[in-house]
Amino acid sequence: MGSNSAASLAKRNVFSAQHRGGRRAIGKGMILLITPSASGSQCADSLYAATGQETHWAHTLQEAATRLREQTYSAAVIDQFLLENDPDESDQMIEHLGTAFPVYVNFGVTGIDRLVREVRSALHRRKREEGVARRAVAEQMHSEMSETLTAMLLSCELAMSVPDVPHPAAEKIRVIDNLARELRLRLEVN
């Protein structure tokens, strides 16, 4: 019995730790730097210092695709040299970007300061776009719920106007009508 409860506790701790870690990675964000450049390590360190986001360095497009399948990144900084020299591999990697905001950089002419500015700018654009998308979804849901509530209220009124509705059924219709009105008030407040 003691070992079973210890095993159960260990499982709960493992799953809760994974859950917390996943939430932290998504909430905090990570950057994937994709370049064969010898300055990749220095660029990754500079990006981390400037953004506070953990930065992973992939030397190849294949390595980048693997990392993109395994993790969620807020941005992917992609060396244009790799895109131009291996278009097929580039397409495969780009398919795995997911929600990562792509930042295309020519490392041959871009210094670290400019790289940091471009990544910061991309992260700000991503944040703005996410906010706009959230508001649009919220407005769409509000509109759809309002339409559904209006249809429910109309249906309740029509059902109550039918002659000889049994008392228990009429009571249920009134309850539904009251709930729909309460929901409509909550939507109007929010």
C-alpha atoms as a PDB file:
ATOM      1  CA  MET A   1       0.000   0.000   0.000  1.00  0.00           C
ATOM      2  CA  GLY A   2       2.803   2.424   0.920  1.00  0.00           C
ATOM      3  CA  SER A   3       4.645   1.869  -2.370  1.00  0.00           C
ATOM      4  CA  ASN A   4       1.433   2.284  -4.404  1.00  0.00           C
ATOM      5  CA  SER A   5       0.687   5.614  -2.784  1.00  0.00           C
ATOM      6  CA  ALA A   6       4.314   6.718  -3.267  1.00  0.00           C
ATOM      7  CA  ALA A   7       4.098   5.755  -6.952  1.00  0.00           C
ATOM      8  CA  SER A   8       0.807   7.622  -7.289  1.00  0.00           C
ATOM      9  CA  LEU A   9       2.328  10.714  -5.661  1.00  0.00           C
ATOM     10  CA  ALA A  10       5.365  10.504  -7.949  1.00  0.00           C
ATOM     11  CA  LYS A  11       3.100  10.288 -11.020  1.00  0.00           C
ATOM     12  CA  ARG A  12       1.099  13.322  -9.895  1.00  0.00           C
ATOM     13  CA  ASN A  13       4.300  15.297  -9.301  1.00  0.00           C
ATOM     14  CA  VAL A  14       5.714  14.342 -12.706  1.00  0.00           C
ATOM     15  CA  PHE A  15       2.529  15.326 -14.526  1.00  0.00           C
ATOM     16  CA  SER A  16       2.095  18.576 -12.625  1.00  0.00           C
ATOM     17  CA  ALA A  17       5.744  19.514 -13.215  1.00  0.00           C
ATOM     18  CA  GLN A  18       5.351  18.880 -16.939  1.00  0.00           C
ATOM     19  CA  HIS A  19       2.177  20.934 -16.981  1.00  0.00           C
ATOM     20  CA  ARG A  20       3.814  23.862 -15.217  1.00  0.00           C
ATOM     21  CA  GLY A  21       6.832  23.700 -17.522  1.00  0.00           C
ATOM     22  CA  GLY A  22       4.673  23.670 -20.645  1.00  0.00           C
ATOM     23  CA  ARG A  23       2.713  26.667 -19.462  1.00  0.00           C
ATOM     24  CA  ARG A  24       5.901  28.542 -18.592  1.00  0.00           C
ATOM     25  CA  ALA A  25       7.448  27.821 -22.017  1.00  0.00           C
ATOM     26  CA  ILE A  26       4.369  29.048 -23.866  1.00  0.00           C
ATOM     27  CA  GLY A  27       3.809  32.055 -21.609  1.00  0.00           C
ATOM     28  CA  LYS A  28       7.444  33.164 -21.599  1.00  0.00           C
ATOM     29  CA  GLY A  29       8.235  32.353 -25.213  1.00  0.00           C
ATOM     30  CA  MET A  30      11.363  31.037 -26.838  1.00  0.00           C
ATOM     31  CA  ILE A  31      13.291  32.041 -29.919  1.00  0.00           C
ATOM     32  CA  LEU A  32      14.800  29.658 -32.460  1.00  0.00           C
ATOM     33  CA  LEU A  33      17.893  30.999 -34.224  1.00  0.00           C
ATOM     34  CA  ILE A  34      18.581  29.137 -37.493  1.00  0.00           C
ATOM     35  CA  THR A  35      21.995  29.806 -38.999  1.00  0.00           C
ATOM     36  CA  PRO A  36      25.235  27.973 -39.763  1.00  0.00           C
ATOM     37  CA  SER A  37      27.128  31.188 -38.945  1.00  0.00           C
ATOM     38  CA  ALA A  38      30.019  30.892 -36.517  1.00  0.00           C
ATOM     39  CA  SER A  39      28.543  33.880 -34.670  1.00  0.00           C
ATOM     40  CA  GLY A  40      25.359  31.908 -33.924  1.00  0.00           C
ATOM     41  CA  SER A  41      26.242  31.348 -30.277  1.00  0.00           C
ATOM     42  CA  GLN A  42      26.970  35.042 -29.740  1.00  0.00           C
ATOM     43  CA  CYS A  43      23.739  35.996 -31.556  1.00  0.00           C
ATOM     44  CA  ALA A  44      21.733  33.581 -29.390  1.00  0.00           C
ATOM     45  CA  ASP A  45      23.268  35.053 -26.224  1.00  0.00           C
ATOM     46  CA  SER A  46      22.519  38.599 -27.417  1.00  0.00           C
ATOM     47  CA  LEU A  47      18.911  37.737 -28.262  1.00  0.00           C
ATOM     48  CA  TYR A  48      18.418  36.182 -24.841  1.00  0.00           C
ATOM     49  CA  ALA A  49      19.951  39.205 -23.118  1.00  0.00           C
ATOM     50  CA  ALA A  50      17.810  41.648 -25.132  1.00  0.00           C
ATOM     51  CA  THR A  51      14.468  39.811 -24.970  1.00  0.00           C
ATOM     52  CA  GLY A  52      14.674  37.617 -21.882  1.00  0.00           C
ATOM     53  CA  GLN A  53      13.457  34.738 -24.028  1.00  0.00           C
ATOM     54  CA  GLU A  54      15.340  31.471 -24.021  1.00  0.00           C
ATOM     55  CA  THR A  55      17.075  31.188 -27.394  1.00  0.00           C
ATOM     56  CA  HIS A  56      17.946  27.898 -29.099  1.00  0.00           C
ATOM     57  CA  TRP A  57      20.453  27.704 -31.948  1.00  0.00           C
ATOM     58  CA  ALA A  58      19.911  25.316 -34.857  1.00  0.00           C
ATOM     59  CA  HIS A  59      22.851  25.019 -37.255  1.00  0.00           C
ATOM     60  CA  THR A  60      20.855  23.423 -40.091  1.00  0.00           C
ATOM     61  CA  LEU A  61      17.336  23.491 -41.507  1.00  0.00           C
ATOM     62  CA  GLN A  62      16.912  19.823 -40.560  1.00  0.00           C
ATOM     63  CA  GLU A  63      17.830  20.561 -36.954  1.00  0.00           C
ATOM     64  CA  ALA A  64      15.458  23.543 -37.019  1.00  0.00           C
ATOM     65  CA  ALA A  65      12.572  21.408 -38.306  1.00  0.00           C
ATOM     66  CA  THR A  66      13.195  18.896 -35.514  1.00  0.00           C
ATOM     67  CA  ARG A  67      13.232  21.619 -32.850  1.00  0.00           C
ATOM     68  CA  LEU A  68      10.075  23.202 -34.293  1.00  0.00           C
ATOM     69  CA  ARG A  69       8.277  19.850 -34.074  1.00  0.00           C
ATOM     70  CA  GLU A  70       9.376  19.412 -30.449  1.00  0.00           C
ATOM     71  CA  GLN A  71       8.888  22.938 -29.028  1.00  0.00           C
ATOM     72  CA  THR A  72       6.701  25.994 -29.433  1.00  0.00           C
ATOM     73  CA  TYR A  73       8.627  29.157 -30.324  1.00  0.00           C
ATOM     74  CA  SER A  74       7.463  32.756 -30.366  1.00  0.00           C
ATOM     75  CA  ALA A  75       9.907  33.630 -33.170  1.00  0.00           C
ATOM     76  CA  ALA A  76      12.185  31.851 -35.629  1.00  0.00           C
ATOM     77  CA  VAL A  77      15.168  33.875 -36.856  1.00  0.00           C
ATOM     78  CA  ILE A  78      16.056  32.337 -40.220  1.00  0.00           C
ATOM     79  CA  ASP A  79      19.299  32.884 -42.122  1.00  0.00           C
ATOM     80  CA  GLN A  80      18.412  33.803 -45.727  1.00  0.00           C
ATOM     81  CA  PHE A  81      21.549  31.968 -46.866  1.00  0.00           C
ATOM     82  CA  LEU A  82      19.969  28.661 -45.822  1.00  0.00           C
ATOM     83  CA  LEU A  83      16.693  29.456 -47.567  1.00  0.00           C
ATOM     84  CA  GLU A  84      18.390  30.303 -50.846  1.00  0.00           C
ATOM     85  CA  ASN A  85      20.798  27.352 -50.869  1.00  0.00           C
ATOM     86  CA  ASP A  86      18.310  24.611 -49.979  1.00  0.00           C
ATOM     87  CA  PRO A  87      14.775  25.591 -51.038  1.00  0.00           C
ATOM     88  CA  ASP A  88      13.296  22.087 -50.594  1.00  0.00           C
ATOM     89  CA  GLU A  89      14.605  21.729 -47.048  1.00  0.00           C
ATOM     90  CA  SER A  90      13.494  25.326 -46.396  1.00  0.00           C
ATOM     91  CA  ASP A  91       9.919  24.518 -47.398  1.00  0.00           C
ATOM     92  CA  GLN A  92       9.853  21.535 -45.056  1.00  0.00           C
ATOM     93  CA  MET A  93      11.181  23.602 -42.171  1.00  0.00           C
ATOM     94  CA  ILE A  94       8.707  26.429 -42.842  1.00  0.00           C
ATOM     95  CA  GLU A  95       5.826  23.915 -42.683  1.00  0.00           C
ATOM     96  CA  HIS A  96       6.777  23.302 -39.042  1.00  0.00           C
ATOM     97  CA  LEU A  97       6.904  26.975 -37.979  1.00  0.00           C
ATOM     98  CA  GLY A  98       3.494  26.724 -36.337  1.00  0.00           C
ATOM     99  CA  THR A  99       2.879  29.947 -34.415  1.00  0.00           C
ATOM    100  CA  ALA A 100       6.523  31.050 -34.534  1.00  0.00           C
ATOM    101  CA  PHE A 101       6.833  34.505 -36.099  1.00  0.00           C
ATOM    102  CA  PRO A 102       9.450  34.233 -38.904  1.00  0.00           C
ATOM    103  CA  VAL A 103      12.243  36.812 -39.025  1.00  0.00           C
ATOM    104  CA  TYR A 104      14.392  36.560 -42.172  1.00  0.00           C
ATOM    105  CA  VAL A 105      17.932  37.875 -41.782  1.00  0.00           C
ATOM    106  CA  ASN A 106      20.994  38.018 -44.010  1.00  0.00           C
ATOM    107  CA  PHE A 107      23.695  37.192 -41.464  1.00  0.00           C
ATOM    108  CA  GLY A 108      26.370  38.128 -43.995  1.00  0.00           C
ATOM    109  CA  VAL A 109      25.475  41.829 -43.726  1.00  0.00           C
ATOM    110  CA  THR A 110      23.464  42.071 -40.493  1.00  0.00           C
ATOM    111  CA  GLY A 111      25.230  42.912 -37.256  1.00  0.00           C
ATOM    112  CA  ILE A 112      24.093  41.788 -33.841  1.00  0.00           C
ATOM    113  CA  ASP A 113      22.562  45.170 -32.944  1.00  0.00           C
ATOM    114  CA  ARG A 114      20.400  45.178 -36.052  1.00  0.00           C
ATOM    115  CA  LEU A 115      19.473  41.517 -35.473  1.00  0.00           C
ATOM    116  CA  VAL A 116      18.283  42.348 -31.959  1.00  0.00           C
ATOM    117  CA  ARG A 117      16.256  45.342 -33.232  1.00  0.00           C
ATOM    118  CA  GLU A 118      14.574  43.257 -35.926  1.00  0.00           C
ATOM    119  CA  VAL A 119      13.705  40.445 -33.527  1.00  0.00           C
ATOM    120  CA  ARG A 120      12.329  42.875 -30.934  1.00  0.00           C
ATOM    121  CA  SER A 121      10.247  44.526 -33.645  1.00  0.00           C
ATOM    122  CA  ALA A 122       8.940  41.146 -34.816  1.00  0.00           C
ATOM    123  CA  LEU A 123       8.015  40.142 -31.264  1.00  0.00           C
ATOM    124  CA  HIS A 124       6.112  43.423 -30.815  1.00  0.00           C
ATOM    125  CA  ARG A 125       4.286  42.870 -34.146  1.00  0.00           C
ATOM    126  CA  ARG A 126       3.391  39.344 -33.045  1.00  0.00           C
ATOM    127  CA  LYS A 127       2.042  40.609 -29.721  1.00  0.00           C
ATOM    128  CA  ARG A 128      -0.066  43.287 -31.478  1.00  0.00           C
ATOM    129  CA  GLU A 129      -1.410  40.786 -34.009  1.00  0.00           C
ATOM    130  CA  GLU A 130      -2.301  38.311 -31.262  1.00  0.00           C
ATOM    131  CA  GLY A 131      -4.209  41.057 -29.427  1.00  0.00           C
ATOM    132  CA  VAL A 132      -6.123  41.995 -32.573  1.00  0.00           C
ATOM    133  CA  ALA A 133      -6.923  38.331 -33.257  1.00  0.00           C
ATOM    134  CA  ARG A 134      -8.139  37.779 -29.678  1.00  0.00           C
ATOM    135  CA  ARG A 135     -10.408  40.821 -29.863  1.00  0.00           C
ATOM    136  CA  ALA A 136     -11.816  39.689 -33.218  1.00  0.00           C
ATOM    137  CA  VAL A 137     -12.563  36.212 -31.848  1.00  0.00           C
ATOM    138  CA  ALA A 138     -14.187  37.681 -28.735  1.00  0.00           C
ATOM    139  CA  GLU A 139     -16.364  39.995 -30.860  1.00  0.00           C
ATOM    140  CA  GLN A 140     -17.353  37.118 -33.144  1.00  0.00           C
ATOM    141  CA  MET A 141     -18.286  34.913 -30.176  1.00  0.00           C
ATOM    142  CA  HIS A 142     -20.262  37.766 -28.608  1.00  0.00           C
ATOM    143  CA  SER A 143     -22.176  38.289 -31.836  1.00  0.00           C
ATOM    144  CA  GLU A 144     -22.929  34.583 -32.279  1.00  0.00           C
ATOM    145  CA  MET A 145     -24.054  34.194 -28.671  1.00  0.00           C
ATOM    146  CA  SER A 146     -26.309  37.242 -28.959  1.00  0.00           C
ATOM    147  CA  GLU A 147     -27.946  35.783 -32.066  1.00  0.00           C
ATOM    148  CA  THR A 148     -28.477  32.423 -30.365  1.00  0.00           C
ATOM    149  CA  LEU A 149     -29.946  34.057 -27.260  1.00  0.00           C
ATOM    150  CA  THR A 150     -32.315  36.125 -29.377  1.00  0.00           C
ATOM    151  CA  ALA A 151     -33.492  32.955 -31.120  1.00  0.00           C
ATOM    152  CA  MET A 152     -33.973  31.222 -27.739  1.00  0.00           C
ATOM    153  CA  LEU A 153     -35.995  34.130 -26.341  1.00  0.00           C
ATOM    154  CA  LEU A 154     -38.165  34.274 -29.450  1.00  0.00           C
ATOM    155  CA  SER A 155     -38.733  30.518 -29.306  1.00  0.00           C
ATOM    156  CA  CYS A 156     -39.715  30.754 -25.641  1.00  0.00           C
ATOM    157  CA  GLU A 157     -42.208  33.533 -26.393  1.00  0.00           C
ATOM    158  CA  LEU A 158     -43.715  31.543 -29.252  1.00  0.00           C
ATOM    159  CA  ALA A 159     -43.932  28.402 -27.124  1.00  0.00           C
ATOM    160  CA  MET A 160     -45.647  30.308 -24.303  1.00  0.00           C
ATOM    161  CA  SER A 161     -48.220  31.704 -26.743  1.00  0.00           C
ATOM    162  CA  VAL A 162     -49.390  28.233 -27.743  1.00  0.00           C
ATOM    163  CA  PRO A 163     -52.794  27.597 -26.129  1.00  0.00           C
ATOM    164  CA  ASP A 164     -53.178  24.862 -23.511  1.00  0.00           C
ATOM    165  CA  VAL A 165     -49.464  24.402 -22.765  1.00  0.00           C
ATOM    166  CA  PRO A 166     -49.273  22.030 -19.779  1.00  0.00           C
ATOM    167  CA  HIS A 167     -48.262  23.830 -16.581  1.00  0.00           C
ATOM    168  CA  PRO A 168     -44.983  21.828 -16.042  1.00  0.00           C
ATOM    169  CA  ALA A 169     -43.912  22.564 -19.641  1.00  0.00           C
ATOM    170  CA  ALA A 170     -44.799  26.257 -19.281  1.00  0.00           C
ATOM    171  CA  GLU A 171     -42.730  26.411 -16.100  1.00  0.00           C
ATOM    172  CA  LYS A 172     -39.717  24.861 -17.878  1.00  0.00           C
ATOM    173  CA  ILE A 173     -40.085  27.354 -20.746  1.00  0.00           C
ATOM    174  CA  ARG A 174     -40.145  30.242 -18.232  1.00  0.00           C
ATOM    175  CA  VAL A 175     -36.953  28.923 -16.612  1.00  0.00           C
ATOM    176  CA  ILE A 176     -35.239  28.756 -20.017  1.00  0.00           C
ATOM    177  CA  ASP A 177     -36.498  32.244 -20.849  1.00  0.00           C
ATOM    178  CA  ASN A 178     -35.162  33.639 -17.548  1.00  0.00           C
ATOM    179  CA  LEU A 179     -31.763  31.969 -18.044  1.00  0.00           C
ATOM    180  CA  ALA A 180     -31.507  33.337 -21.587  1.00  0.00           C
ATOM    181  CA  ARG A 181     -32.364  36.847 -20.363  1.00  0.00           C
ATOM    182  CA  GLU A 182     -29.748  36.558 -17.614  1.00  0.00           C
ATOM    183  CA  LEU A 183     -27.114  35.494 -20.157  1.00  0.00           C
ATOM    184  CA  ARG A 184     -28.051  38.387 -22.423  1.00  0.00           C
ATOM    185  CA  LEU A 185     -27.585  40.849 -19.525  1.00  0.00           C
ATOM    186  CA  ARG A 186     -24.158  39.386 -18.764  1.00  0.00           C
ATOM    187  CA  LEU A 187     -23.140  39.704 -22.412  1.00  0.00           C
ATOM    188  CA  GLU A 188     -24.264  43.331 -22.510  1.00  0.00           C
ATOM    189  CA  VAL A 189     -22.247  44.138 -19.367  1.00  0.00           C
ATOM    190  CA  ASN A 190     -19.098  42.543 -20.798  1.00  0.00           C
END
